[in-house]
Amino acid sequence: MNKLVILLTLILSGTLLAQTTEEPTTETDTSNVEFYIVEGDSIARKAIFLDDVIVLGKVKFSDNEARRRYLILRRKTRKVWPYAKLAGERLVELNQRLDSMKSKRAKKKYTKIIQRYVEDEFGAQLKKLTRTEGQILVKLMYRQTGSTTFELIKDYRSGLKAFFLNTTASFFDISLKEIYDPKSVQEDYLIEDILQRSFQAKVLEPQDPAIDINFLELKNKWIKPKPTQGIK
């Protein structure tokens, strides 16, 4: 978990002027709102005046426990989404900045400046994430970057790999190799459902994924089985 905190703090900073995205303070229950999905469009809409539309109905649960788990999963997903979104935005920018520096000395100096800055700006917030929130963040990092957190740590440049790997302290046992697979994993589909509904309700700011996600196909696959689980 500590490696994830360090990686995220460095990526999210981008530049010294980077700002965090605050978690929305208003909880909107979008599980009881009907949305529409248009083929070729990954964003759900409350209403749209086109011929070929598919109704994304209310979320149905097998029992109250399943609904409770879904709501917990929604709260945690909404909490960590801003970090995953920022990671997708900042990763390219940060790598470009490092590429523009010719000398190892300049890269090392920049790295130290970023470390000090992000420790104050992001470290405390990320360290407060629970194990399950950290695991959801790892999945969403994959959604927004196309790489697992493990790969980002392994492949990171400018000597940061050793810095990550030498950080042995661990707060929680999470898998940094976890991918986001809503086609095969029901919980990942539920996360995607939560994202789509939250985008439409303007609870979360949308961002295109770095991986191929066809929500229409996902909806058709998972619509018949009722969600039986949320976050464990």
Protein backbone atom coordinates (compact mmCIF):
# COMPACT_ATOMS: atom_id res chain seq x y z
CA MET A 1 0.00 0.00 0.00
CA ASN A 2 2.89 2.33 0.77
CA LYS A 3 4.24 1.83 -2.76
CA LEU A 4 0.85 2.79 -4.13
CA VAL A 5 0.79 5.93 -1.99
CA ILE A 6 4.23 6.99 -3.23
CA LEU A 7 3.42 6.27 -6.87
CA LEU A 8 0.12 8.12 -6.73
CA THR A 9 1.55 11.14 -4.97
CA LEU A 10 4.23 11.51 -7.64
CA ILE A 11 1.88 10.98 -10.56
CA LEU A 12 -0.91 13.16 -9.23
CA SER A 13 1.38 16.11 -8.71
CA GLY A 14 2.33 16.48 -12.38
CA THR A 15 3.79 19.93 -11.73
CA LEU A 16 4.21 21.99 -8.61
CA LEU A 17 1.03 23.86 -9.49
CA ALA A 18 -1.14 20.73 -9.69
CA GLN A 19 -4.31 20.75 -7.64
CA THR A 20 -6.39 17.98 -6.13
CA THR A 21 -9.98 17.28 -7.04
CA GLU A 22 -12.13 17.36 -3.93
CA GLU A 23 -14.54 14.53 -3.28
CA PRO A 24 -18.14 15.64 -3.76
CA THR A 25 -19.81 16.27 -0.45
CA THR A 26 -23.32 15.47 -1.67
CA GLU A 27 -24.35 11.85 -1.92
CA THR A 28 -26.85 11.34 -4.74
CA ASP A 29 -28.61 7.99 -4.95
CA THR A 30 -28.56 7.30 -8.69
CA SER A 31 -29.31 3.59 -8.36
CA ASN A 32 -33.06 4.32 -8.64
CA VAL A 33 -32.82 6.55 -11.73
CA GLU A 34 -33.36 5.19 -15.22
CA PHE A 35 -30.71 6.12 -17.77
CA TYR A 36 -30.26 5.47 -21.47
CA ILE A 37 -27.26 4.13 -23.33
CA VAL A 38 -26.78 4.88 -27.02
CA GLU A 39 -24.64 2.43 -28.97
CA GLY A 40 -21.22 3.93 -29.56
CA ASP A 41 -21.57 6.29 -26.58
CA SER A 42 -20.16 5.20 -23.21
CA ILE A 43 -21.90 7.94 -21.22
CA ALA A 44 -25.35 7.25 -19.80
CA ARG A 45 -28.07 9.86 -20.21
CA LYS A 46 -31.32 10.47 -18.35
CA ALA A 47 -33.16 11.23 -21.59
CA ILE A 48 -32.25 11.30 -25.26
CA PHE A 49 -34.42 11.74 -28.32
CA LEU A 50 -33.09 9.15 -30.74
CA ASP A 51 -34.63 6.06 -32.26
CA ASP A 52 -32.02 3.47 -31.26
CA VAL A 53 -31.67 3.62 -27.49
CA ILE A 54 -31.37 1.05 -24.74
CA VAL A 55 -32.85 1.72 -21.34
CA LEU A 56 -30.47 1.35 -18.45
CA GLY A 57 -33.05 0.61 -15.79
CA LYS A 58 -32.92 0.74 -12.06
CA VAL A 59 -30.35 -1.42 -10.34
CA LYS A 60 -32.04 -4.53 -8.96
CA PHE A 61 -30.64 -6.55 -6.11
CA SER A 62 -31.16 -10.07 -4.88
CA ASP A 63 -31.66 -8.85 -1.31
CA ASN A 64 -31.04 -5.95 1.05
CA GLU A 65 -27.52 -7.14 1.80
CA ALA A 66 -26.62 -6.95 -1.89
CA ARG A 67 -28.01 -3.41 -2.03
CA ARG A 68 -26.00 -2.43 1.06
CA ARG A 69 -22.81 -3.76 -0.52
CA TYR A 70 -23.52 -1.87 -3.73
CA LEU A 71 -23.96 1.39 -1.83
CA ILE A 72 -20.69 0.78 0.03
CA LEU A 73 -18.95 0.07 -3.27
CA ARG A 74 -20.41 3.27 -4.70
CA ARG A 75 -19.14 5.37 -1.82
CA LYS A 76 -15.64 3.94 -2.10
CA THR A 77 -15.56 4.21 -5.89
CA ARG A 78 -16.60 7.85 -5.80
CA LYS A 79 -13.99 8.55 -3.17
CA VAL A 80 -11.01 7.21 -5.15
CA TRP A 81 -12.12 8.18 -8.69
CA PRO A 82 -10.62 11.69 -8.56
CA TYR A 83 -7.17 10.18 -7.88
CA ALA A 84 -7.47 7.72 -10.77
CA LYS A 85 -8.65 10.52 -13.07
CA LEU A 86 -5.76 12.75 -12.07
CA ALA A 87 -3.34 9.87 -12.61
CA GLY A 88 -4.58 9.48 -16.16
CA GLU A 89 -4.16 13.21 -16.78
CA ARG A 90 -0.80 13.64 -15.10
CA LEU A 91 1.07 10.52 -16.13
CA VAL A 92 1.80 11.69 -19.67
CA GLU A 93 2.65 15.18 -18.45
CA LEU A 94 5.05 13.90 -15.81
CA ASN A 95 6.82 11.55 -18.21
CA GLN A 96 7.18 14.33 -20.78
CA ARG A 97 8.67 16.59 -18.16
CA LEU A 98 11.22 13.95 -17.17
CA ASP A 99 12.03 13.31 -20.84
CA SER A 100 12.78 16.99 -21.36
CA MET A 101 15.51 16.89 -18.73
CA LYS A 102 18.85 15.87 -20.15
CA SER A 103 20.98 15.36 -17.08
CA LYS A 104 20.54 12.84 -14.28
CA ARG A 105 21.28 15.64 -11.84
CA ALA A 106 18.32 17.68 -13.10
CA LYS A 107 16.01 14.67 -12.92
CA LYS A 108 17.18 13.84 -9.42
CA LYS A 109 16.68 17.43 -8.29
CA TYR A 110 13.22 17.55 -9.81
CA THR A 111 12.31 14.25 -8.18
CA LYS A 112 13.30 15.53 -4.75
CA ILE A 113 11.28 18.72 -5.22
CA ILE A 114 8.24 16.70 -6.24
CA GLN A 115 8.69 14.30 -3.32
CA ARG A 116 8.69 17.14 -0.80
CA TYR A 117 5.74 18.85 -2.43
CA VAL A 118 3.48 15.84 -2.81
CA GLU A 119 4.24 14.60 0.67
CA ASP A 120 2.42 17.65 1.96
CA GLU A 121 -0.31 17.80 -0.68
CA PHE A 122 -1.31 14.16 -1.27
CA GLY A 123 0.44 11.79 1.13
CA ALA A 124 -1.87 12.20 4.11
CA GLN A 125 -5.01 11.78 1.99
CA LEU A 126 -3.83 8.64 0.22
CA LYS A 127 -2.56 7.03 3.40
CA LYS A 128 -6.05 7.28 4.85
CA LEU A 129 -7.46 4.98 2.18
CA THR A 130 -8.67 1.63 3.46
CA ARG A 131 -7.49 -1.65 1.96
CA THR A 132 -10.61 -1.97 -0.21
CA GLU A 133 -10.41 1.65 -1.33
CA GLY A 134 -6.76 1.10 -2.27
CA GLN A 135 -7.68 -1.99 -4.28
CA ILE A 136 -10.43 -0.14 -6.14
CA LEU A 137 -7.97 2.65 -6.87
CA VAL A 138 -5.51 0.12 -8.32
CA LYS A 139 -8.26 -1.13 -10.64
CA LEU A 140 -9.26 2.36 -11.71
CA MET A 141 -5.61 3.26 -12.27
CA TYR A 142 -5.57 0.45 -14.82
CA ARG A 143 -8.77 1.81 -16.38
CA GLN A 144 -7.26 5.26 -16.83
CA THR A 145 -3.64 4.43 -17.70
CA GLY A 146 -3.82 1.01 -19.36
CA SER A 147 -1.11 -0.30 -17.03
CA THR A 148 -1.21 -2.05 -13.69
CA THR A 149 0.18 -0.18 -10.72
CA PHE A 150 2.88 -2.86 -10.52
CA GLU A 151 3.90 -2.10 -14.12
CA LEU A 152 3.96 1.62 -13.44
CA ILE A 153 6.26 1.05 -10.48
CA LYS A 154 8.46 -1.41 -12.37
CA ASP A 155 8.80 0.69 -15.50
CA TYR A 156 9.04 4.12 -13.94
CA ARG A 157 12.06 6.06 -15.08
CA SER A 158 14.67 8.39 -13.63
CA GLY A 159 15.73 6.02 -10.88
CA LEU A 160 12.32 5.97 -9.24
CA LYS A 161 12.05 2.19 -9.57
CA ALA A 162 14.67 1.67 -6.86
CA PHE A 163 12.99 4.29 -4.71
CA PHE A 164 9.68 2.42 -4.87
CA LEU A 165 11.15 -1.03 -4.37
CA ASN A 166 13.24 0.09 -1.41
CA THR A 167 10.10 1.22 0.38
CA THR A 168 9.40 -1.90 2.39
CA ALA A 169 6.81 -0.56 4.83
CA SER A 170 3.32 -1.78 3.99
CA PHE A 171 0.08 -0.63 5.57
CA PHE A 172 -2.27 -3.01 3.79
CA ASP A 173 -1.87 -6.12 1.69
CA ILE A 174 -3.27 -5.29 -1.75
CA SER A 175 -2.45 -6.62 -5.19
CA LEU A 176 -0.64 -4.04 -7.31
CA LYS A 177 -1.04 -6.36 -10.33
CA GLU A 178 -4.83 -6.12 -10.27
CA ILE A 179 -6.46 -5.21 -13.59
CA TYR A 180 -9.88 -3.75 -14.32
CA ASP A 181 -12.00 -6.35 -16.08
CA PRO A 182 -15.73 -5.49 -16.12
CA LYS A 183 -16.30 -8.10 -18.84
CA SER A 184 -15.43 -10.98 -16.53
CA VAL A 185 -15.60 -9.67 -12.96
CA GLN A 186 -19.01 -8.70 -11.61
CA GLU A 187 -17.63 -6.27 -9.06
CA ASP A 188 -15.73 -4.44 -11.81
CA TYR A 189 -18.94 -4.21 -13.83
CA LEU A 190 -20.69 -2.74 -10.79
CA ILE A 191 -17.88 -0.19 -10.48
CA GLU A 192 -18.37 0.74 -14.14
CA ASP A 193 -22.12 1.00 -13.59
CA ILE A 194 -21.47 3.29 -10.62
CA LEU A 195 -19.14 5.45 -12.71
CA GLN A 196 -21.60 5.79 -15.58
CA ARG A 197 -24.47 6.74 -13.29
CA SER A 198 -22.25 9.14 -11.35
CA PHE A 199 -21.05 10.80 -14.56
CA GLN A 200 -24.62 11.34 -15.70
CA ALA A 201 -25.69 12.67 -12.31
CA LYS A 202 -22.66 15.02 -12.40
CA VAL A 203 -21.44 13.61 -9.12
CA LEU A 204 -18.14 12.67 -10.79
CA GLU A 205 -16.34 14.31 -13.69
CA PRO A 206 -16.00 11.86 -16.60
CA GLN A 207 -12.79 10.87 -18.34
CA ASP A 208 -12.35 8.48 -21.26
CA PRO A 209 -10.72 5.19 -20.25
CA ALA A 210 -7.35 4.10 -21.62
CA ILE A 211 -8.73 0.61 -22.21
CA ASP A 212 -11.58 -0.55 -24.43
CA ILE A 213 -14.89 -0.45 -22.56
CA ASN A 214 -18.22 -0.94 -24.34
CA PHE A 215 -20.79 -0.30 -21.67
CA LEU A 216 -23.63 -1.39 -23.94
CA GLU A 217 -22.09 -4.85 -24.30
CA LEU A 218 -21.37 -5.01 -20.57
CA LYS A 219 -24.94 -4.06 -19.77
CA ASN A 220 -26.32 -6.74 -22.09
CA LYS A 221 -24.11 -9.37 -20.48
CA TRP A 222 -24.76 -8.52 -16.86
CA ILE A 223 -28.33 -7.18 -16.91
CA LYS A 224 -30.05 -10.53 -16.29
CA PRO A 225 -28.05 -11.69 -13.25
CA LYS A 226 -28.92 -9.46 -10.32
CA PRO A 227 -25.93 -8.02 -8.50
CA THR A 228 -25.22 -10.29 -5.57
CA GLN A 229 -22.17 -8.53 -4.29
CA GLY A 230 -20.57 -5.21 -3.80
CA ILE A 231 -17.43 -4.51 -1.91
CA LYS A 232 -16.41 -7.30 0.43
